[in-house]
C-alpha atoms as a PDB file:
ATOM      1  CA  UNK A   1     -12.906  19.615  -6.153  1.00  0.00           C
ATOM      2  CA  UNK A   2     -14.994  16.313  -6.047  1.00  0.00           C
ATOM      3  CA  UNK A   3     -13.114  13.332  -4.769  1.00  0.00           C
ATOM      4  CA  UNK A   4     -12.171  10.870  -7.441  1.00  0.00           C
ATOM      5  CA  UNK A   5     -13.350   7.415  -7.173  1.00  0.00           C
ATOM      6  CA  UNK A   6     -10.859   4.581  -6.410  1.00  0.00           C
ATOM      7  CA  UNK A   7     -12.083   2.602  -9.463  1.00  0.00           C
ATOM      8  CA  UNK A   8     -11.247   5.541 -11.782  1.00  0.00           C
ATOM      9  CA  UNK A   9      -7.796   5.906 -10.044  1.00  0.00           C
ATOM     10  CA  UNK A  10      -7.300   2.090 -10.559  1.00  0.00           C
ATOM     11  CA  UNK A  11      -7.879   2.470 -14.249  1.00  0.00           C
ATOM     12  CA  UNK A  12      -5.422   5.341 -14.469  1.00  0.00           C
ATOM     13  CA  UNK A  13      -2.756   3.875 -12.170  1.00  0.00           C
ATOM     14  CA  UNK A  14      -1.141   1.662 -15.044  1.00  0.00           C
ATOM     15  CA  UNK A  15      -0.683   4.813 -17.191  1.00  0.00           C
ATOM     16  CA  UNK A  16       0.498   6.806 -14.209  1.00  0.00           C
ATOM     17  CA  UNK A  17       3.067   4.212 -13.309  1.00  0.00           C
ATOM     18  CA  UNK A  18       4.284   4.229 -16.943  1.00  0.00           C
ATOM     19  CA  UNK A  19       4.363   8.052 -16.715  1.00  0.00           C
ATOM     20  CA  UNK A  20       2.019   8.315 -19.739  1.00  0.00           C
ATOM     21  CA  UNK A  21      -0.504  10.728 -18.242  1.00  0.00           C
ATOM     22  CA  UNK A  22      -0.762  14.592 -18.558  1.00  0.00           C
ATOM     23  CA  UNK A  23       0.461  16.808 -15.686  1.00  0.00           C
ATOM     24  CA  UNK A  24      -3.222  17.540 -14.510  1.00  0.00           C
ATOM     25  CA  UNK A  25      -3.955  13.797 -14.329  1.00  0.00           C
ATOM     26  CA  UNK A  26      -0.678  13.178 -12.624  1.00  0.00           C
ATOM     27  CA  UNK A  27      -1.637  15.825  -9.959  1.00  0.00           C
ATOM     28  CA  UNK A  28      -5.012  14.278  -9.370  1.00  0.00           C
ATOM     29  CA  UNK A  29      -3.646  10.781  -8.915  1.00  0.00           C
ATOM     30  CA  UNK A  30      -0.946  11.990  -6.512  1.00  0.00           C
ATOM     31  CA  UNK A  31      -3.480  13.961  -4.470  1.00  0.00           C
ATOM     32  CA  UNK A  32      -5.627  10.776  -4.267  1.00  0.00           C
ATOM     33  CA  UNK A  33      -2.645   8.632  -3.303  1.00  0.00           C
ATOM     34  CA  UNK A  34      -1.893  10.864  -0.323  1.00  0.00           C
ATOM     35  CA  UNK A  35      -5.227  10.165   1.272  1.00  0.00           C
ATOM     36  CA  UNK A  36      -5.921   6.430  -0.057  1.00  0.00           C
ATOM     37  CA  UNK A  37      -3.707   3.754   1.428  1.00  0.00           C
ATOM     38  CA  UNK A  38      -5.438   1.045  -0.679  1.00  0.00           C
ATOM     39  CA  UNK A  39      -4.722   2.862  -3.961  1.00  0.00           C
ATOM     40  CA  UNK A  40      -1.252   3.641  -2.687  1.00  0.00           C
ATOM     41  CA  UNK A  41      -0.475   0.035  -1.974  1.00  0.00           C
ATOM     42  CA  UNK A  42      -1.793  -0.947  -5.337  1.00  0.00           C
ATOM     43  CA  UNK A  43       0.479   1.650  -6.951  1.00  0.00           C
ATOM     44  CA  UNK A  44       3.488   0.402  -4.896  1.00  0.00           C
ATOM     45  CA  UNK A  45       2.875  -3.276  -5.997  1.00  0.00           C
ATOM     46  CA  UNK A  46       2.265  -2.196  -9.619  1.00  0.00           C
ATOM     47  CA  UNK A  47       5.623  -0.170  -9.454  1.00  0.00           C
ATOM     48  CA  UNK A  48       7.438  -3.201  -8.066  1.00  0.00           C
ATOM     49  CA  UNK A  49       6.110  -5.320 -10.957  1.00  0.00           C
ATOM     50  CA  UNK A  50       7.210  -2.782 -13.440  1.00  0.00           C
ATOM     51  CA  UNK A  51      10.642  -2.511 -12.002  1.00  0.00           C
ATOM     52  CA  UNK A  52      10.905  -6.370 -11.746  1.00  0.00           C
ATOM     53  CA  UNK A  53       9.866  -6.648 -15.417  1.00  0.00           C
ATOM     54  CA  UNK A  54      12.374  -3.939 -16.332  1.00  0.00           C
ATOM     55  CA  UNK A  55      15.107  -5.764 -14.402  1.00  0.00           C
ATOM     56  CA  UNK A  56      14.231  -9.204 -15.997  1.00  0.00           C
ATOM     57  CA  UNK A  57      14.167  -7.618 -19.525  1.00  0.00           C
ATOM     58  CA  UNK A  58      17.586  -5.897 -18.756  1.00  0.00           C
ATOM     59  CA  UNK A  59      18.932  -9.253 -17.516  1.00  0.00           C
ATOM     60  CA  UNK A  60      17.618 -11.113 -20.561  1.00  0.00           C
ATOM     61  CA  UNK A  61      19.008  -8.395 -22.908  1.00  0.00           C
ATOM     62  CA  UNK A  62      22.475  -8.733 -21.084  1.00  0.00           C
ATOM     63  CA  UNK A  63      22.353 -12.498 -21.286  1.00  0.00           C
ATOM     64  CA  UNK A  64      21.470 -12.370 -25.052  1.00  0.00           C
ATOM     65  CA  UNK A  65      24.297  -9.890 -25.614  1.00  0.00           C
ATOM     66  CA  UNK A  66      26.665 -12.124 -23.693  1.00  0.00           C
ATOM     67  CA  UNK A  67      25.710 -15.289 -25.611  1.00  0.00           C
ATOM     68  CA  UNK A  68      26.054 -13.351 -28.954  1.00  0.00           C
ATOM     69  CA  UNK A  69      29.452 -12.156 -27.893  1.00  0.00           C
ATOM     70  CA  UNK A  70      30.446 -15.733 -26.857  1.00  0.00           C
ATOM     71  CA  UNK A  71      29.152 -17.179 -30.117  1.00  0.00           C
ATOM     72  CA  UNK A  72      31.117 -14.510 -32.038  1.00  0.00           C
ATOM     73  CA  UNK A  73      34.295 -15.210 -30.147  1.00  0.00           C
ATOM     74  CA  UNK A  74      33.820 -18.934 -30.555  1.00  0.00           C
ATOM     75  CA  UNK A  75      33.155 -18.500 -34.294  1.00  0.00           C
ATOM     76  CA  UNK A  76      36.277 -16.272 -34.584  1.00  0.00           C
ATOM     77  CA  UNK A  77      38.282 -18.940 -32.624  1.00  0.00           C
ATOM     78  CA  UNK A  78      37.131 -21.680 -34.957  1.00  0.00           C
ATOM     79  CA  UNK A  79      37.985 -19.559 -38.015  1.00  0.00           C
ATOM     80  CA  UNK A  80      41.432 -18.787 -36.603  1.00  0.00           C
ATOM     81  CA  UNK A  81      41.932 -22.500 -35.910  1.00  0.00           C
ATOM     82  CA  UNK A  82      40.976 -23.479 -39.324  1.00  0.00           C
ATOM     83  CA  UNK A  83      43.232 -20.782 -40.936  1.00  0.00           C
ATOM     84  CA  UNK A  84      45.999 -21.792 -38.622  1.00  0.00           C
ATOM     85  CA  UNK A  85      45.656 -25.400 -39.823  1.00  0.00           C
ATOM     86  CA  UNK A  86      45.518 -24.426 -43.498  1.00  0.00           C
ATOM     87  CA  UNK A  87      48.580 -22.198 -43.058  1.00  0.00           C
ATOM     88  CA  UNK A  88      50.346 -25.030 -41.177  1.00  0.00           C
ATOM     89  CA  UNK A  89      49.548 -27.538 -43.939  1.00  0.00           C
ATOM     90  CA  UNK A  90      50.658 -25.112 -46.556  1.00  0.00           C
ATOM     91  CA  UNK A  91      53.899 -24.413 -44.681  1.00  0.00           C
ATOM     92  CA  UNK A  92      54.602 -28.163 -44.258  1.00  0.00           C
ATOM     93  CA  UNK A  93      53.825 -28.790 -47.892  1.00  0.00           C
ATOM     94  CA  UNK A  94      56.085 -25.929 -48.944  1.00  0.00           C
ATOM     95  CA  UNK A  95      58.793 -27.129 -46.641  1.00  0.00           C
ATOM     96  CA  UNK A  96      58.458 -30.631 -47.959  1.00  0.00           C
ATOM     97  CA  UNK A  97      58.495 -29.399 -51.566  1.00  0.00           C
ATOM     98  CA  UNK A  98      61.583 -27.191 -51.000  1.00  0.00           C
ATOM     99  CA  UNK A  99      63.498 -29.999 -49.282  1.00  0.00           C
ATOM    100  CA  UNK A 100      62.611 -32.334 -51.968  1.00  0.00           C
ATOM    101  CA  UNK A 101      63.634 -29.969 -54.752  1.00  0.00           C
ATOM    102  CA  UNK A 102      66.976 -28.623 -53.560  1.00  0.00           C
ATOM    103  CA  UNK A 103      69.555 -30.521 -55.487  1.00  0.00           C
ATOM    104  CA  UNK A 104      72.689 -31.545 -53.655  1.00  0.00           C
ATOM    105  CA  UNK A 105      75.045 -32.750 -56.346  1.00  0.00           C
ATOM    106  CA  UNK A 106      77.031 -35.845 -55.603  1.00  0.00           C
ATOM    107  CA  UNK A 107      80.714 -35.230 -55.919  1.00  0.00           C
ATOM    108  CA  UNK A 108      82.638 -37.565 -58.113  1.00  0.00           C
ATOM    109  CA  UNK A 109      84.847 -40.157 -56.316  1.00  0.00           C
ATOM    110  CA  UNK A 110      86.490 -42.756 -58.434  1.00  0.00           C
ATOM    111  CA  UNK A 111      85.947 -45.646 -56.128  1.00  0.00           C
ATOM    112  CA  UNK A 112      82.170 -44.918 -55.887  1.00  0.00           C
ATOM    113  CA  UNK A 113      81.535 -44.829 -59.647  1.00  0.00           C
ATOM    114  CA  UNK A 114      82.024 -47.988 -61.888  1.00  0.00           C
ATOM    115  CA  UNK A 115      80.453 -48.715 -65.298  1.00  0.00           C
ATOM    116  CA  UNK A 116      80.075 -52.340 -66.214  1.00  0.00           C
ATOM    117  CA  UNK A 117      78.630 -54.339 -69.014  1.00  0.00           C
ATOM    118  CA  UNK A 118      76.534 -57.208 -67.701  1.00  0.00           C
ATOM    119  CA  UNK A 119      73.971 -59.567 -69.227  1.00  0.00           C
ATOM    120  CA  UNK A 120      70.262 -59.248 -68.401  1.00  0.00           C
ATOM    121  CA  UNK A 121      68.070 -61.905 -69.849  1.00  0.00           C
ATOM    122  CA  UNK A 122      70.697 -62.630 -72.514  1.00  0.00           C
ATOM    123  CA  UNK A 123      71.046 -58.967 -73.440  1.00  0.00           C
ATOM    124  CA  UNK A 124      74.216 -57.000 -72.730  1.00  0.00           C
ATOM    125  CA  UNK A 125      73.400 -53.861 -70.741  1.00  0.00           C
ATOM    126  CA  UNK A 126      75.423 -50.830 -69.505  1.00  0.00           C
ATOM    127  CA  UNK A 127      75.186 -50.454 -65.779  1.00  0.00           C
ATOM    128  CA  UNK A 128      76.449 -47.760 -63.456  1.00  0.00           C
ATOM    129  CA  UNK A 129      77.310 -49.213 -60.152  1.00  0.00           C
ATOM    130  CA  UNK A 130      77.335 -46.381 -57.596  1.00  0.00           C
ATOM    131  CA  UNK A 131      78.035 -46.647 -53.886  1.00  0.00           C
ATOM    132  CA  UNK A 132      76.585 -43.813 -51.817  1.00  0.00           C
ATOM    133  CA  UNK A 133      73.444 -41.788 -51.063  1.00  0.00           C
ATOM    134  CA  UNK A 134      71.112 -41.051 -54.079  1.00  0.00           C
ATOM    135  CA  UNK A 135      67.776 -39.446 -54.591  1.00  0.00           C
ATOM    136  CA  UNK A 136      67.650 -39.880 -58.298  1.00  0.00           C
ATOM    137  CA  UNK A 137      69.839 -39.226 -61.404  1.00  0.00           C
ATOM    138  CA  UNK A 138      69.364 -37.490 -64.728  1.00  0.00           C
ATOM    139  CA  UNK A 139      70.781 -38.532 -68.066  1.00  0.00           C
ATOM    140  CA  UNK A 140      71.244 -36.383 -71.200  1.00  0.00           C
ATOM    141  CA  UNK A 141      72.098 -37.495 -74.739  1.00  0.00           C
ATOM    142  CA  UNK A 142      74.220 -34.897 -76.544  1.00  0.00           C
ATOM    143  CA  UNK A 143      75.665 -35.221 -80.000  1.00  0.00           C
ATOM    144  CA  UNK A 144      78.474 -32.727 -80.348  1.00  0.00           C
ATOM    145  CA  UNK A 145      78.781 -33.195 -84.099  1.00  0.00           C
ATOM    146  CA  UNK A 146      81.213 -36.205 -83.804  1.00  0.00           C
ATOM    147  CA  UNK A 147      80.217 -38.283 -80.853  1.00  0.00           C
ATOM    148  CA  UNK A 148      77.103 -39.278 -78.926  1.00  0.00           C
ATOM    149  CA  UNK A 149      77.867 -38.452 -75.320  1.00  0.00           C
ATOM    150  CA  UNK A 150      75.819 -39.263 -72.287  1.00  0.00           C
ATOM    151  CA  UNK A 151      76.021 -36.969 -69.404  1.00  0.00           C
ATOM    152  CA  UNK A 152      74.949 -38.313 -65.952  1.00  0.00           C
ATOM    153  CA  UNK A 153      74.120 -36.211 -62.891  1.00  0.00           C
ATOM    154  CA  UNK A 154      73.454 -37.895 -59.492  1.00  0.00           C
ATOM    155  CA  UNK A 155      72.041 -35.876 -56.722  1.00  0.00           C
ATOM    156  CA  UNK A 156      70.431 -36.061 -53.379  1.00  0.00           C
ATOM    157  CA  UNK A 157      67.936 -33.665 -51.517  1.00  0.00           C
ATOM    158  CA  UNK A 158      67.796 -32.443 -47.977  1.00  0.00           C
ATOM    159  CA  UNK A 159      64.615 -34.525 -47.493  1.00  0.00           C
ATOM    160  CA  UNK A 160      66.217 -37.765 -48.972  1.00  0.00           C
ATOM    161  CA  UNK A 161      69.202 -37.240 -46.721  1.00  0.00           C
ATOM    162  CA  UNK A 162      67.035 -36.897 -43.669  1.00  0.00           C
ATOM    163  CA  UNK A 163      64.425 -39.446 -44.219  1.00  0.00           C
ATOM    164  CA  UNK A 164      65.336 -41.988 -46.971  1.00  0.00           C
ATOM    165  CA  UNK A 165      67.508 -43.901 -44.581  1.00  0.00           C
ATOM    166  CA  UNK A 166      70.373 -44.362 -47.156  1.00  0.00           C
ATOM    167  CA  UNK A 167      73.847 -44.513 -45.938  1.00  0.00           C
ATOM    168  CA  UNK A 168      77.257 -43.609 -47.569  1.00  0.00           C
ATOM    169  CA  UNK A 169      77.873 -47.357 -48.355  1.00  0.00           C
ATOM    170  CA  UNK A 170      74.497 -48.030 -49.923  1.00  0.00           C
ATOM    171  CA  UNK A 171      74.936 -49.777 -53.343  1.00  0.00           C
ATOM    172  CA  UNK A 172      72.972 -48.941 -56.355  1.00  0.00           C
ATOM    173  CA  UNK A 173      72.789 -50.571 -59.828  1.00  0.00           C
ATOM    174  CA  UNK A 174      71.526 -48.038 -62.382  1.00  0.00           C
ATOM    175  CA  UNK A 175      70.688 -49.489 -65.710  1.00  0.00           C
ATOM    176  CA  UNK A 176      71.598 -47.009 -68.351  1.00  0.00           C
ATOM    177  CA  UNK A 177      70.846 -48.905 -71.669  1.00  0.00           C
ATOM    178  CA  UNK A 178      71.280 -52.026 -73.575  1.00  0.00           C
ATOM    179  CA  UNK A 179      74.209 -52.163 -76.043  1.00  0.00           C
ATOM    180  CA  UNK A 180      74.932 -53.785 -79.331  1.00  0.00           C
ATOM    181  CA  UNK A 181      71.272 -54.035 -80.233  1.00  0.00           C
ATOM    182  CA  UNK A 182      69.692 -52.578 -83.268  1.00  0.00           C
ATOM    183  CA  UNK A 183      66.839 -51.127 -81.236  1.00  0.00           C
ATOM    184  CA  UNK A 184      69.109 -49.538 -78.557  1.00  0.00           C
ATOM    185  CA  UNK A 185      71.243 -46.434 -78.521  1.00  0.00           C
ATOM    186  CA  UNK A 186      74.814 -46.977 -77.351  1.00  0.00           C
ATOM    187  CA  UNK A 187      76.914 -43.814 -76.521  1.00  0.00           C
ATOM    188  CA  UNK A 188      80.345 -43.271 -77.558  1.00  0.00           C
ATOM    189  CA  UNK A 189      81.196 -41.771 -74.247  1.00  0.00           C
ATOM    190  CA  UNK A 190      79.544 -41.649 -70.773  1.00  0.00           C
ATOM    191  CA  UNK A 191      80.618 -38.608 -68.611  1.00  0.00           C
ATOM    192  CA  UNK A 192      79.740 -37.555 -65.194  1.00  0.00           C
ATOM    193  CA  UNK A 193      78.831 -33.788 -64.681  1.00  0.00           C
ATOM    194  CA  UNK A 194      81.054 -32.055 -61.950  1.00  0.00           C
ATOM    195  CA  UNK A 195      80.269 -28.432 -63.135  1.00  0.00           C
ATOM    196  CA  UNK A 196      77.156 -26.373 -63.417  1.00  0.00           C
ATOM    197  CA  UNK A 197      74.162 -28.544 -64.221  1.00  0.00           C
ATOM    198  CA  UNK A 198      72.239 -25.717 -65.646  1.00  0.00           C
ATOM    199  CA  UNK A 199      74.461 -25.529 -68.799  1.00  0.00           C
ATOM    200  CA  UNK A 200      72.679 -28.677 -69.836  1.00  0.00           C
ATOM    201  CA  UNK A 201      69.477 -26.744 -70.290  1.00  0.00           C
ATOM    202  CA  UNK A 202      71.031 -23.877 -72.352  1.00  0.00           C
ATOM    203  CA  UNK A 203      69.750 -23.776 -75.970  1.00  0.00           C
ATOM    204  CA  UNK A 204      73.318 -23.172 -77.222  1.00  0.00           C
ATOM    205  CA  UNK A 205      75.580 -25.484 -75.395  1.00  0.00           C
ATOM    206  CA  UNK A 206      79.298 -25.039 -75.134  1.00  0.00           C
ATOM    207  CA  UNK A 207      80.483 -28.652 -75.784  1.00  0.00           C
ATOM    208  CA  UNK A 208      84.078 -27.969 -74.933  1.00  0.00           C
ATOM    209  CA  UNK A 209      83.017 -26.519 -71.541  1.00  0.00           C
ATOM    210  CA  UNK A 210      80.662 -29.387 -70.956  1.00  0.00           C
ATOM    211  CA  UNK A 211      83.448 -31.887 -71.463  1.00  0.00           C
ATOM    212  CA  UNK A 212      85.890 -29.801 -69.519  1.00  0.00           C
ATOM    213  CA  UNK A 213      83.342 -29.826 -66.497  1.00  0.00           C
ATOM    214  CA  UNK A 214      82.840 -33.428 -66.569  1.00  0.00           C
ATOM    215  CA  UNK A 215      84.564 -36.775 -65.781  1.00  0.00           C
ATOM    216  CA  UNK A 216      84.976 -39.433 -68.393  1.00  0.00           C
ATOM    217  CA  UNK A 217      83.619 -42.642 -66.973  1.00  0.00           C
ATOM    218  CA  UNK A 218      83.486 -44.923 -70.146  1.00  0.00           C
ATOM    219  CA  UNK A 219      84.047 -44.732 -73.842  1.00  0.00           C
ATOM    220  CA  UNK A 220      83.257 -47.145 -76.582  1.00  0.00           C
ATOM    221  CA  UNK A 221      85.745 -48.765 -78.908  1.00  0.00           C
ATOM    222  CA  UNK A 222      85.347 -51.706 -81.214  1.00  0.00           C
ATOM    223  CA  UNK A 223      85.400 -54.177 -78.301  1.00  0.00           C
ATOM    224  CA  UNK A 224      83.089 -52.023 -76.146  1.00  0.00           C
ATOM    225  CA  UNK A 225      85.979 -51.729 -73.617  1.00  0.00           C
ATOM    226  CA  UNK A 226      86.102 -49.292 -70.673  1.00  0.00           C
ATOM    227  CA  UNK A 227      88.195 -46.288 -70.139  1.00  0.00           C
ATOM    228  CA  UNK A 228      88.691 -45.638 -66.379  1.00  0.00           C
ATOM    229  CA  UNK A 229      90.947 -42.542 -66.594  1.00  0.00           C
ATOM    230  CA  UNK A 230      89.335 -39.369 -65.324  1.00  0.00           C
ATOM    231  CA  UNK A 231      89.250 -36.236 -67.464  1.00  0.00           C
END
């Protein structure tokens, strides 16, 4: 068999190094490399370059995969942090809402509740002087067929008790209405609700029960005098 020229082997070596030659060509190259140190060195150098290239590509792929994984983890952490903040804000808002909407009725104590008529800019007004904590109060006008009755309900909330800073000796002047004027409504009685406040919202009210579950604070007579007896 004729000896193959080194130039020919040099052209084939890249394919041989990539294992992209037939078995016959592979045998010819290997036989040549046994006897030719120069081609053998060229092959070894080429093999080292290929292996280095493979190593670099593998390292780059690993680095890209690691960066992608870190990016995914960072994105997940950001999303988790945002969701945690949103949930936290919702929970805080819900807590504030609940604490502001839980009614704590103020129990009637005679010394804390006083109705008075006082002048304001020359007009007689009916005031409720209350001493104690208060968030707000509700006022209902009810006509039971004979009398116009005003029912009052004072209450606090857990939020107001914690953060409003009011004390048990805080004094309040609650203006209820003007009296004795043609454009004002003067009640025949003013009562404070001690029973179930929900009965005020019932379509068919039991007026006797409402009166029974309340304290009479004031009633009107010809002289617009006060009645301080309870119930």
